[in-house]
Structure formats: C-alpha cells, structure tokens
Amino acid sequence: MTSAQAFQTLKDGNQRFLSGKMLHRNFPEQVKLTATQPDPFAAILTCMDSRTPPEIIFDQGLGDIFAVRIGGNIINEDVLGSLEFTAKYAGVRVILALGHTECAAIKGACDNLQAGNMTALLQKLKPAINAVPQSIETRNSRNPMFISGVSEMNVKLSLKEIMEKSPLLKELIDKKEIILTGGLYDVHTGEVTFY
C-alpha cells in the first residue's frame, strides 16, 4: 500500500462509517490472522475521548491501525517515540493527528483548570489557545467558536511539533515514505475534516 492509498483508505473508511455501510468483519478470524504478524497501514494520534475510537470512525479491523490516545491529543516525548516506532519499524504509511469537537481537555485548558496531574497535561494545550486570534472574545469553554478554533489549532501545532521534534519522522515525510496529515472529528456528525 502506498502512502496515498493508505490516506485514501482512512477517508473511505470514514465515509462508510458516516453512511452506516461499514464492512462486516470476522473478528475471531482477524485475531488469528494478526496474532503473529499485524500489518498496520496507519498511525492515528487522537484524544482518549470515548466518542473517538479511531478503529470505528475509520471502519478498520484488528491490526489495521496503531492508535496513540492521550487527553487533548497532545505531543510529548512518549507520543513521538510511539509514532517513530510505527513509521520506522512497523511500516505505517500515514500518520494522522486527529482532534475532535467538544474536547473536554481543550475546554479545561481554556478555563485554566487546575487539578492534579491534569494541570501539566492541560498546560501543553496553551500554545493552541494563544495561537487563536485575539480578536475572538470570550476565550473560555462557553464560546463554541473559540473552542473549535483551539481544537483546530491544536492539531496544526501538533503537526508542526512532529516535524520539528522528530528528525526521524521528518526524514520519512521528506522522502515521501509516509504522509503526515491532520484532521478534526465532529462528535455531532461523525465526519472527519482533513487538513
């Protein structure tokens, strides 16, 4: 599978999900087939939100994708290491940084929530908050337009961070061995908008 085909497979899967025409899969058979040699084509960095399971929203089966899930789909050293492994050693052809609407982590960061270890995680979302134009007033969770802007900016900054902080991934992307892309999942419609 080429990188372009892998990307198209994600798009096609989301369209099947939206239309309700998802592929029938024999999961017990897939367990046997993937037990010793999975063949994933994509890695998806997404939020841990229960409404955003990438295998379902992209209509994929066992062994098809790596899902790296963390609150606010933030980038840190562990996430980068995981993505590097998927691209360098597991053969994925596309890496997708996927945010979503109505993200509780984004809302918490916008409201300056301070709570245990979440405080440090939410601080990693501050660059996305600061990158949204200052002309938008009511810069908190009560403004859906602001939250949407922060969610989109968070994905775009994640893509930039991946390129800046992972020479390994940058090299694979520059050589066109993998595609790096971003998207936003709408929890109201189920649709993914790709950037």
N, C-alpha and C. Protein backbone atom coordinates (compact mmCIF):
# COMPACT_ATOMS: atom_id res chain seq x y z
N MET A 1 0.84 -1.18 0.00
CA MET A 1 0.00 0.00 0.00
C MET A 1 0.88 1.24 0.00
N THR A 2 0.61 2.17 -0.90
CA THR A 2 1.36 3.42 -0.93
C THR A 2 0.81 4.37 0.15
N SER A 3 1.55 5.44 0.40
CA SER A 3 1.09 6.43 1.36
C SER A 3 -0.24 7.04 0.94
N ALA A 4 -0.36 7.35 -0.35
CA ALA A 4 -1.61 7.93 -0.86
C ALA A 4 -2.77 6.95 -0.71
N GLN A 5 -2.52 5.68 -0.97
CA GLN A 5 -3.57 4.67 -0.81
C GLN A 5 -3.97 4.52 0.66
N ALA A 6 -2.99 4.59 1.54
CA ALA A 6 -3.28 4.49 2.97
C ALA A 6 -4.15 5.65 3.43
N PHE A 7 -3.83 6.84 2.97
CA PHE A 7 -4.62 8.02 3.32
C PHE A 7 -6.04 7.88 2.78
N GLN A 8 -6.16 7.43 1.55
CA GLN A 8 -7.48 7.24 0.94
C GLN A 8 -8.29 6.17 1.69
N THR A 9 -7.61 5.17 2.20
CA THR A 9 -8.29 4.11 2.97
C THR A 9 -8.93 4.69 4.22
N LEU A 10 -8.25 5.63 4.87
CA LEU A 10 -8.85 6.30 6.03
C LEU A 10 -10.07 7.12 5.62
N LYS A 11 -9.93 7.87 4.54
CA LYS A 11 -11.06 8.69 4.06
C LYS A 11 -12.26 7.81 3.70
N ASP A 12 -11.99 6.73 2.98
CA ASP A 12 -13.07 5.82 2.57
C ASP A 12 -13.73 5.19 3.79
N GLY A 13 -12.94 4.83 4.79
CA GLY A 13 -13.48 4.23 6.00
C GLY A 13 -14.40 5.18 6.74
N ASN A 14 -14.02 6.47 6.81
CA ASN A 14 -14.89 7.43 7.48
C ASN A 14 -16.19 7.61 6.69
N GLN A 15 -16.11 7.57 5.37
CA GLN A 15 -17.33 7.68 4.57
C GLN A 15 -18.26 6.48 4.81
N ARG A 16 -17.68 5.28 4.93
CA ARG A 16 -18.51 4.11 5.24
C ARG A 16 -19.16 4.26 6.61
N PHE A 17 -18.40 4.74 7.57
CA PHE A 17 -18.92 4.98 8.92
C PHE A 17 -20.08 5.96 8.88
N LEU A 18 -19.92 7.05 8.12
CA LEU A 18 -20.97 8.07 8.03
C LEU A 18 -22.24 7.52 7.37
N SER A 19 -22.06 6.67 6.38
CA SER A 19 -23.21 6.15 5.63
C SER A 19 -23.87 4.96 6.31
N GLY A 20 -23.22 4.42 7.34
CA GLY A 20 -23.77 3.24 8.01
C GLY A 20 -23.53 1.96 7.24
N LYS A 21 -22.62 2.00 6.27
CA LYS A 21 -22.32 0.83 5.44
C LYS A 21 -20.92 0.30 5.75
N MET A 22 -20.70 0.04 7.01
CA MET A 22 -19.39 -0.44 7.45
C MET A 22 -19.19 -1.88 7.00
N LEU A 23 -17.93 -2.23 6.80
CA LEU A 23 -17.59 -3.57 6.35
C LEU A 23 -17.88 -4.60 7.44
N HIS A 24 -18.36 -5.75 7.04
CA HIS A 24 -18.53 -6.85 8.01
C HIS A 24 -17.16 -7.48 8.23
N ARG A 25 -16.82 -7.67 9.48
CA ARG A 25 -15.53 -8.27 9.80
C ARG A 25 -15.74 -9.47 10.71
N ASN A 26 -14.95 -10.49 10.43
CA ASN A 26 -14.95 -11.68 11.27
C ASN A 26 -13.81 -11.49 12.27
N PHE A 27 -14.14 -10.89 13.42
CA PHE A 27 -13.10 -10.56 14.39
C PHE A 27 -12.38 -11.78 14.96
N PRO A 28 -13.07 -12.89 15.25
CA PRO A 28 -12.31 -14.06 15.70
C PRO A 28 -11.27 -14.51 14.67
N GLU A 29 -11.62 -14.42 13.41
CA GLU A 29 -10.67 -14.79 12.35
C GLU A 29 -9.53 -13.78 12.28
N GLN A 30 -9.85 -12.48 12.45
CA GLN A 30 -8.80 -11.46 12.44
C GLN A 30 -7.84 -11.64 13.61
N VAL A 31 -8.36 -12.09 14.74
CA VAL A 31 -7.48 -12.36 15.89
C VAL A 31 -6.42 -13.38 15.49
N LYS A 32 -6.85 -14.45 14.84
CA LYS A 32 -5.91 -15.49 14.41
C LYS A 32 -4.93 -14.97 13.37
N LEU A 33 -5.43 -14.20 12.40
CA LEU A 33 -4.59 -13.72 11.31
C LEU A 33 -3.55 -12.70 11.76
N THR A 34 -3.88 -11.93 12.79
CA THR A 34 -2.97 -10.87 13.22
C THR A 34 -2.14 -11.24 14.46
N ALA A 35 -2.36 -12.43 15.00
CA ALA A 35 -1.69 -12.83 16.26
C ALA A 35 -0.18 -12.74 16.16
N THR A 36 0.39 -13.16 15.07
CA THR A 36 1.85 -13.16 14.96
C THR A 36 2.39 -12.07 14.04
N GLN A 37 1.55 -11.55 13.15
CA GLN A 37 2.05 -10.55 12.21
C GLN A 37 0.97 -9.56 11.80
N PRO A 38 0.74 -8.51 12.64
CA PRO A 38 -0.19 -7.47 12.20
C PRO A 38 0.42 -6.68 11.05
N ASP A 39 -0.39 -6.04 10.28
CA ASP A 39 0.10 -5.26 9.13
C ASP A 39 -0.58 -3.90 9.09
N PRO A 40 -0.32 -3.05 10.09
CA PRO A 40 -0.99 -1.76 10.15
C PRO A 40 -0.51 -0.82 9.05
N PHE A 41 -1.43 -0.03 8.51
CA PHE A 41 -1.07 0.91 7.44
C PHE A 41 -1.07 2.36 7.94
N ALA A 42 -1.65 2.61 9.12
CA ALA A 42 -1.76 3.99 9.62
C ALA A 42 -1.52 4.05 11.11
N ALA A 43 -1.07 5.21 11.56
CA ALA A 43 -0.98 5.52 12.98
C ALA A 43 -1.81 6.78 13.21
N ILE A 44 -2.66 6.73 14.23
CA ILE A 44 -3.54 7.86 14.49
C ILE A 44 -3.31 8.33 15.92
N LEU A 45 -2.88 9.58 16.04
CA LEU A 45 -2.75 10.23 17.33
C LEU A 45 -4.07 10.93 17.59
N THR A 46 -4.78 10.52 18.61
CA THR A 46 -6.07 11.12 18.91
C THR A 46 -6.29 11.21 20.40
N CYS A 47 -7.34 11.87 20.76
CA CYS A 47 -7.71 12.04 22.16
C CYS A 47 -8.23 10.72 22.72
N MET A 48 -8.20 10.60 24.03
CA MET A 48 -8.71 9.41 24.68
C MET A 48 -10.22 9.43 24.85
N ASP A 49 -10.87 10.48 24.36
CA ASP A 49 -12.32 10.63 24.48
C ASP A 49 -13.04 9.36 24.00
N SER A 50 -14.01 8.91 24.76
CA SER A 50 -14.70 7.66 24.45
C SER A 50 -15.52 7.73 23.17
N ARG A 51 -15.75 8.94 22.66
CA ARG A 51 -16.53 9.09 21.43
C ARG A 51 -15.67 9.04 20.17
N THR A 52 -14.36 8.86 20.33
CA THR A 52 -13.46 8.97 19.17
C THR A 52 -12.61 7.74 18.91
N PRO A 53 -13.16 6.53 19.00
CA PRO A 53 -12.32 5.35 18.75
C PRO A 53 -11.96 5.27 17.26
N PRO A 54 -10.67 5.43 16.93
CA PRO A 54 -10.28 5.51 15.52
C PRO A 54 -10.62 4.27 14.71
N GLU A 55 -10.55 3.09 15.32
CA GLU A 55 -10.86 1.87 14.57
C GLU A 55 -12.30 1.90 14.07
N ILE A 56 -13.18 2.48 14.84
CA ILE A 56 -14.60 2.53 14.45
C ILE A 56 -14.87 3.67 13.48
N ILE A 57 -14.41 4.89 13.80
CA ILE A 57 -14.75 6.03 12.94
C ILE A 57 -14.07 5.96 11.57
N PHE A 58 -13.04 5.11 11.44
CA PHE A 58 -12.43 4.88 10.13
C PHE A 58 -12.74 3.49 9.59
N ASP A 59 -13.64 2.77 10.23
CA ASP A 59 -14.09 1.44 9.80
C ASP A 59 -12.92 0.52 9.48
N GLN A 60 -12.09 0.29 10.48
CA GLN A 60 -10.93 -0.58 10.31
C GLN A 60 -11.03 -1.77 11.26
N GLY A 61 -10.29 -2.81 10.95
CA GLY A 61 -10.32 -4.01 11.75
C GLY A 61 -9.09 -4.15 12.64
N LEU A 62 -8.96 -5.32 13.25
CA LEU A 62 -7.81 -5.60 14.10
C LEU A 62 -6.54 -5.61 13.27
N GLY A 63 -5.52 -4.97 13.79
CA GLY A 63 -4.23 -4.97 13.12
C GLY A 63 -4.09 -3.97 11.99
N ASP A 64 -5.11 -3.13 11.75
CA ASP A 64 -5.06 -2.18 10.63
C ASP A 64 -4.39 -0.86 10.99
N ILE A 65 -4.59 -0.41 12.23
CA ILE A 65 -4.03 0.89 12.62
C ILE A 65 -3.43 0.82 14.02
N PHE A 66 -2.47 1.71 14.25
CA PHE A 66 -1.98 1.97 15.60
C PHE A 66 -2.76 3.18 16.11
N ALA A 67 -3.27 3.09 17.30
CA ALA A 67 -3.97 4.22 17.92
C ALA A 67 -3.15 4.70 19.11
N VAL A 68 -2.68 5.94 19.03
CA VAL A 68 -1.96 6.57 20.12
C VAL A 68 -2.96 7.56 20.73
N ARG A 69 -3.45 7.24 21.93
CA ARG A 69 -4.52 8.03 22.52
C ARG A 69 -4.05 8.67 23.83
N ILE A 70 -4.26 9.99 23.89
CA ILE A 70 -3.89 10.75 25.08
C ILE A 70 -4.79 11.97 25.16
N GLY A 71 -5.14 12.38 26.37
CA GLY A 71 -6.03 13.53 26.55
C GLY A 71 -5.54 14.74 25.76
N GLY A 72 -6.45 15.34 24.99
CA GLY A 72 -6.12 16.52 24.20
C GLY A 72 -5.22 16.24 23.01
N ASN A 73 -5.03 14.97 22.68
CA ASN A 73 -4.12 14.54 21.60
C ASN A 73 -2.85 15.40 21.55
N ILE A 74 -2.23 15.51 22.71
CA ILE A 74 -1.02 16.33 22.84
C ILE A 74 0.20 15.57 22.33
N ILE A 75 1.25 16.32 22.08
CA ILE A 75 2.54 15.75 21.69
C ILE A 75 3.46 15.80 22.90
N ASN A 76 4.09 14.69 23.19
CA ASN A 76 5.17 14.66 24.18
C ASN A 76 6.19 13.63 23.70
N GLU A 77 7.23 13.43 24.47
CA GLU A 77 8.32 12.53 24.08
C GLU A 77 7.82 11.08 23.87
N ASP A 78 6.92 10.63 24.71
CA ASP A 78 6.40 9.27 24.60
C ASP A 78 5.55 9.10 23.34
N VAL A 79 4.75 10.10 23.05
CA VAL A 79 3.92 10.05 21.84
C VAL A 79 4.82 10.04 20.61
N LEU A 80 5.81 10.91 20.59
CA LEU A 80 6.73 10.94 19.44
C LEU A 80 7.45 9.61 19.27
N GLY A 81 7.91 9.04 20.37
CA GLY A 81 8.58 7.74 20.30
C GLY A 81 7.66 6.67 19.75
N SER A 82 6.41 6.69 20.17
CA SER A 82 5.44 5.72 19.66
C SER A 82 5.22 5.89 18.16
N LEU A 83 5.07 7.14 17.72
CA LEU A 83 4.86 7.40 16.29
C LEU A 83 6.10 7.02 15.48
N GLU A 84 7.28 7.28 16.04
CA GLU A 84 8.51 6.89 15.34
C GLU A 84 8.57 5.38 15.17
N PHE A 85 8.21 4.64 16.20
CA PHE A 85 8.21 3.19 16.09
C PHE A 85 7.27 2.73 14.97
N THR A 86 6.07 3.30 14.93
CA THR A 86 5.09 2.86 13.92
C THR A 86 5.60 3.11 12.50
N ALA A 87 6.29 4.22 12.31
CA ALA A 87 6.75 4.58 10.97
C ALA A 87 8.04 3.87 10.57
N LYS A 88 8.97 3.77 11.51
CA LYS A 88 10.29 3.21 11.19
C LYS A 88 10.29 1.68 11.18
N TYR A 89 9.56 1.07 12.11
CA TYR A 89 9.68 -0.38 12.27
C TYR A 89 8.40 -1.16 11.99
N ALA A 90 7.26 -0.50 12.00
CA ALA A 90 6.00 -1.24 11.81
C ALA A 90 5.37 -0.99 10.44
N GLY A 91 5.96 -0.12 9.66
CA GLY A 91 5.55 0.03 8.27
C GLY A 91 4.31 0.85 7.98
N VAL A 92 3.89 1.74 8.91
CA VAL A 92 2.72 2.55 8.57
C VAL A 92 3.07 3.51 7.44
N ARG A 93 2.05 3.86 6.68
CA ARG A 93 2.25 4.73 5.51
C ARG A 93 1.68 6.13 5.72
N VAL A 94 0.86 6.28 6.76
CA VAL A 94 0.26 7.59 7.04
C VAL A 94 0.15 7.78 8.55
N ILE A 95 0.46 8.99 9.00
CA ILE A 95 0.27 9.38 10.39
C ILE A 95 -0.76 10.50 10.40
N LEU A 96 -1.81 10.31 11.18
CA LEU A 96 -2.88 11.30 11.28
C LEU A 96 -2.95 11.82 12.70
N ALA A 97 -2.82 13.14 12.86
CA ALA A 97 -3.08 13.79 14.15
C ALA A 97 -4.54 14.22 14.11
N LEU A 98 -5.35 13.64 14.99
CA LEU A 98 -6.80 13.83 14.93
C LEU A 98 -7.33 14.46 16.21
N GLY A 99 -7.85 15.67 16.09
CA GLY A 99 -8.54 16.30 17.20
C GLY A 99 -10.03 16.04 17.07
N HIS A 100 -10.80 16.61 17.98
CA HIS A 100 -12.25 16.45 17.88
C HIS A 100 -12.97 17.63 18.51
N THR A 101 -14.21 17.82 18.11
CA THR A 101 -15.02 18.89 18.67
C THR A 101 -15.42 18.53 20.10
N GLU A 102 -15.81 19.53 20.85
CA GLU A 102 -16.31 19.33 22.22
C GLU A 102 -15.29 18.63 23.13
N CYS A 103 -14.02 18.88 22.91
CA CYS A 103 -12.96 18.21 23.67
C CYS A 103 -12.88 18.76 25.10
N ALA A 104 -13.06 17.89 26.08
CA ALA A 104 -13.02 18.30 27.48
C ALA A 104 -11.65 18.81 27.89
N ALA A 105 -10.59 18.23 27.33
CA ALA A 105 -9.24 18.71 27.66
C ALA A 105 -9.05 20.14 27.15
N ILE A 106 -9.49 20.40 25.92
CA ILE A 106 -9.40 21.75 25.36
C ILE A 106 -10.20 22.72 26.23
N LYS A 107 -11.42 22.32 26.58
CA LYS A 107 -12.26 23.19 27.41
C LYS A 107 -11.60 23.45 28.77
N GLY A 108 -11.05 22.40 29.37
CA GLY A 108 -10.38 22.56 30.66
C GLY A 108 -9.20 23.51 30.57
N ALA A 109 -8.42 23.38 29.49
CA ALA A 109 -7.27 24.26 29.31
C ALA A 109 -7.72 25.71 29.10
N CYS A 110 -8.80 25.89 28.34
CA CYS A 110 -9.32 27.24 28.09
C CYS A 110 -9.85 27.88 29.36
N ASP A 111 -10.31 27.07 30.29
CA ASP A 111 -10.84 27.57 31.56
C ASP A 111 -9.79 27.56 32.68
N ASN A 112 -8.53 27.26 32.33
CA ASN A 112 -7.43 27.22 33.29
C ASN A 112 -7.69 26.25 34.45
N LEU A 113 -8.21 25.09 34.13
CA LEU A 113 -8.47 24.06 35.14
C LEU A 113 -7.16 23.64 35.79
N GLN A 114 -7.17 23.56 37.10
CA GLN A 114 -6.02 23.13 37.89
C GLN A 114 -6.46 21.92 38.69
N ALA A 115 -5.99 20.73 38.35
CA ALA A 115 -6.42 19.53 39.06
C ALA A 115 -5.39 18.43 38.90
N GLY A 116 -4.63 18.19 39.93
CA GLY A 116 -3.68 17.09 39.93
C GLY A 116 -2.74 17.09 38.73
N ASN A 117 -2.47 15.89 38.21
CA ASN A 117 -1.57 15.75 37.06
C ASN A 117 -2.17 16.28 35.77
N MET A 118 -3.49 16.48 35.75
CA MET A 118 -4.12 17.07 34.57
C MET A 118 -3.57 18.47 34.29
N THR A 119 -3.17 19.17 35.33
CA THR A 119 -2.69 20.54 35.18
C THR A 119 -1.53 20.59 34.19
N ALA A 120 -0.58 19.67 34.32
CA ALA A 120 0.58 19.65 33.42
C ALA A 120 0.16 19.29 32.01
N LEU A 121 -0.75 18.34 31.86
CA LEU A 121 -1.23 17.96 30.53
C LEU A 121 -1.93 19.15 29.86
N LEU A 122 -2.80 19.82 30.60
CA LEU A 122 -3.55 20.94 30.02
C LEU A 122 -2.65 22.11 29.66
N GLN A 123 -1.53 22.26 30.37
CA GLN A 123 -0.59 23.33 30.03
C GLN A 123 -0.02 23.15 28.62
N LYS A 124 0.06 21.90 28.17
CA LYS A 124 0.58 21.62 26.82
C LYS A 124 -0.37 22.11 25.73
N LEU A 125 -1.59 22.47 26.11
CA LEU A 125 -2.57 22.99 25.14
C LEU A 125 -2.54 24.52 25.05
N LYS A 126 -1.80 25.17 25.93
CA LYS A 126 -1.76 26.64 25.95
C LYS A 126 -1.27 27.25 24.64
N PRO A 127 -0.27 26.67 23.95
CA PRO A 127 0.13 27.26 22.68
C PRO A 127 -1.01 27.33 21.66
N ALA A 128 -1.88 26.34 21.65
CA ALA A 128 -3.03 26.36 20.74
C ALA A 128 -4.01 27.47 21.13
N ILE A 129 -4.20 27.65 22.42
CA ILE A 129 -5.08 28.72 22.90
C ILE A 129 -4.52 30.07 22.49
N ASN A 130 -3.22 30.25 22.71
CA ASN A 130 -2.58 31.53 22.39
C ASN A 130 -2.51 31.80 20.89
N ALA A 131 -2.58 30.75 20.07
CA ALA A 131 -2.47 30.92 18.62
C ALA A 131 -3.80 31.33 17.98
N VAL A 132 -4.89 31.18 18.69
CA VAL A 132 -6.19 31.62 18.16
C VAL A 132 -6.22 33.14 18.22
N PRO A 133 -6.63 33.80 17.12
CA PRO A 133 -6.61 35.27 17.07
C PRO A 133 -7.24 35.92 18.29
N GLN A 134 -6.56 36.94 18.78
CA GLN A 134 -7.03 37.66 19.97
C GLN A 134 -8.35 38.39 19.72
N SER A 135 -8.72 38.55 18.45
CA SER A 135 -9.98 39.23 18.13
C SER A 135 -11.20 38.44 18.61
N ILE A 136 -11.00 37.14 18.86
CA ILE A 136 -12.10 36.33 19.39
C ILE A 136 -12.21 36.60 20.88
N GLU A 137 -13.34 37.15 21.29
CA GLU A 137 -13.56 37.45 22.70
C GLU A 137 -14.21 36.24 23.38
N THR A 138 -14.39 36.33 24.65
CA THR A 138 -14.91 35.22 25.46
C THR A 138 -14.05 33.99 25.18
N ARG A 139 -12.85 34.02 25.67
CA ARG A 139 -11.85 32.99 25.42
C ARG A 139 -11.92 31.91 26.50
N ASN A 140 -13.09 31.23 26.55
CA ASN A 140 -13.26 30.14 27.50
C ASN A 140 -14.22 29.11 26.93
N SER A 141 -14.55 28.12 27.73
CA SER A 141 -15.35 26.98 27.24
C SER A 141 -16.79 27.35 26.90
N ARG A 142 -17.23 28.53 27.29
CA ARG A 142 -18.60 28.93 26.96
C ARG A 142 -18.74 29.46 25.52
N ASN A 143 -17.62 29.61 24.83
CA ASN A 143 -17.65 30.11 23.46
C ASN A 143 -17.32 28.97 22.50
N PRO A 144 -18.32 28.35 21.86
CA PRO A 144 -18.08 27.21 20.96
C PRO A 144 -17.14 27.56 19.80
N MET A 145 -17.22 28.79 19.30
CA MET A 145 -16.34 29.19 18.20
C MET A 145 -14.87 29.20 18.65
N PHE A 146 -14.64 29.67 19.86
CA PHE A 146 -13.28 29.69 20.39
C PHE A 146 -12.77 28.27 20.61
N ILE A 147 -13.59 27.41 21.20
CA ILE A 147 -13.18 26.02 21.44
C ILE A 147 -12.86 25.33 20.12
N SER A 148 -13.68 25.56 19.11
CA SER A 148 -13.43 24.96 17.79
C SER A 148 -12.11 25.45 17.21
N GLY A 149 -11.84 26.74 17.35
CA GLY A 149 -10.59 27.30 16.87
C GLY A 149 -9.38 26.72 17.58
N VAL A 150 -9.50 26.54 18.89
CA VAL A 150 -8.39 25.96 19.67
C VAL A 150 -8.17 24.51 19.27
N SER A 151 -9.26 23.76 19.07
CA SER A 151 -9.14 22.35 18.67
C SER A 151 -8.41 22.21 17.33
N GLU A 152 -8.79 23.05 16.38
CA GLU A 152 -8.14 23.02 15.07
C GLU A 152 -6.68 23.44 15.17
N MET A 153 -6.43 24.51 15.92
CA MET A 153 -5.05 24.99 16.07
C MET A 153 -4.18 23.95 16.77
N ASN A 154 -4.76 23.23 17.73
CA ASN A 154 -4.01 22.19 18.44
C ASN A 154 -3.51 21.12 17.48
N VAL A 155 -4.35 20.72 16.54
CA VAL A 155 -3.94 19.72 15.54
C VAL A 155 -2.82 20.29 14.67
N LYS A 156 -3.00 21.51 14.20
CA LYS A 156 -1.99 22.12 13.31
C LYS A 156 -0.65 22.29 14.02
N LEU A 157 -0.68 22.67 15.29
CA LEU A 157 0.57 22.79 16.05
C LEU A 157 1.18 21.42 16.32
N SER A 158 0.34 20.41 16.48
CA SER A 158 0.86 19.03 16.65
C SER A 158 1.64 18.60 15.42
N LEU A 159 1.10 18.89 14.25
CA LEU A 159 1.80 18.54 13.01
C LEU A 159 3.16 19.24 12.94
N LYS A 160 3.17 20.52 13.32
CA LYS A 160 4.42 21.29 13.32
C LYS A 160 5.41 20.71 14.32
N GLU A 161 4.92 20.35 15.51
CA GLU A 161 5.80 19.77 16.54
C GLU A 161 6.40 18.45 16.09
N ILE A 162 5.60 17.63 15.43
CA ILE A 162 6.11 16.35 14.94
C ILE A 162 7.28 16.59 14.00
N MET A 163 7.12 17.54 13.09
CA MET A 163 8.18 17.83 12.12
C MET A 163 9.42 18.42 12.80
N GLU A 164 9.21 19.26 13.81
CA GLU A 164 10.33 19.92 14.47
C GLU A 164 11.06 19.04 15.48
N LYS A 165 10.31 18.18 16.17
CA LYS A 165 10.89 17.43 17.28
C LYS A 165 11.26 16.00 16.94
N SER A 166 10.95 15.55 15.73
CA SER A 166 11.31 14.19 15.34
C SER A 166 12.03 14.19 13.99
N PRO A 167 13.36 14.30 14.04
CA PRO A 167 14.11 14.23 12.78
C PRO A 167 13.85 12.92 12.02
N LEU A 168 13.60 11.84 12.76
CA LEU A 168 13.33 10.55 12.13
C LEU A 168 12.05 10.62 11.28
N LEU A 169 10.98 11.15 11.86
CA LEU A 169 9.73 11.26 11.10
C LEU A 169 9.84 12.28 9.99
N LYS A 170 10.52 13.40 10.25
CA LYS A 170 10.69 14.42 9.21
C LYS A 170 11.38 13.84 7.99
N GLU A 171 12.41 13.04 8.22
CA GLU A 171 13.12 12.42 7.10
C GLU A 171 12.20 11.51 6.28
N LEU A 172 11.40 10.69 6.96
CA LEU A 172 10.48 9.79 6.25
C LEU A 172 9.41 10.57 5.48
N ILE A 173 8.98 11.69 6.07
CA ILE A 173 7.98 12.54 5.40
C ILE A 173 8.62 13.23 4.20
N ASP A 174 9.81 13.79 4.39
CA ASP A 174 10.50 14.48 3.29
C ASP A 174 10.79 13.53 2.13
N LYS A 175 11.09 12.28 2.44
CA LYS A 175 11.34 11.28 1.39
C LYS A 175 10.05 10.73 0.79
N LYS A 176 8.90 11.22 1.32
CA LYS A 176 7.57 10.78 0.86
C LYS A 176 7.32 9.30 1.10
N GLU A 177 7.98 8.77 2.13
CA GLU A 177 7.74 7.38 2.52
C GLU A 177 6.48 7.27 3.37
N ILE A 178 6.16 8.37 4.08
CA ILE A 178 4.91 8.42 4.83
C ILE A 178 4.26 9.78 4.61
N ILE A 179 2.96 9.84 4.83
CA ILE A 179 2.22 11.10 4.80
C ILE A 179 1.90 11.48 6.24
N LEU A 180 2.09 12.75 6.56
CA LEU A 180 1.67 13.30 7.84
C LEU A 180 0.52 14.25 7.55
N THR A 181 -0.61 14.05 8.20
CA THR A 181 -1.77 14.89 7.97
C THR A 181 -2.53 15.09 9.26
N GLY A 182 -3.45 16.03 9.25
CA GLY A 182 -4.26 16.30 10.42
C GLY A 182 -5.73 16.29 10.08
N GLY A 183 -6.54 16.22 11.10
CA GLY A 183 -7.98 16.24 10.89
C GLY A 183 -8.71 16.55 12.18
N LEU A 184 -10.00 16.83 12.02
CA LEU A 184 -10.86 17.10 13.17
C LEU A 184 -12.14 16.27 13.02
N TYR A 185 -12.44 15.52 14.06
CA TYR A 185 -13.63 14.67 14.11
C TYR A 185 -14.76 15.45 14.77
N ASP A 186 -15.91 15.47 14.13
CA ASP A 186 -17.07 16.15 14.66
C ASP A 186 -17.91 15.15 15.45
N VAL A 187 -18.00 15.34 16.77
CA VAL A 187 -18.73 14.37 17.60
C VAL A 187 -20.23 14.43 17.35
N HIS A 188 -20.72 15.46 16.68
CA HIS A 188 -22.15 15.58 16.38
C HIS A 188 -22.53 14.83 15.10
N THR A 189 -21.62 14.78 14.14
CA THR A 189 -21.94 14.19 12.83
C THR A 189 -21.18 12.90 12.54
N GLY A 190 -20.03 12.70 13.16
CA GLY A 190 -19.18 11.56 12.87
C GLY A 190 -18.23 11.79 11.71
N GLU A 191 -18.25 12.99 11.15
CA GLU A 191 -17.41 13.27 9.98
C GLU A 191 -16.04 13.77 10.38
N VAL A 192 -15.02 13.33 9.65
CA VAL A 192 -13.66 13.82 9.83
C VAL A 192 -13.37 14.82 8.72
N THR A 193 -12.95 16.01 9.10
CA THR A 193 -12.48 17.01 8.14
C THR A 193 -10.97 16.93 8.16
N PHE A 194 -10.36 16.68 7.00
CA PHE A 194 -8.91 16.55 6.92
C PHE A 194 -8.31 17.90 6.54
N TYR A 195 -7.09 18.16 7.07
CA TYR A 195 -6.37 19.39 6.74
C TYR A 195 -5.30 19.09 5.72
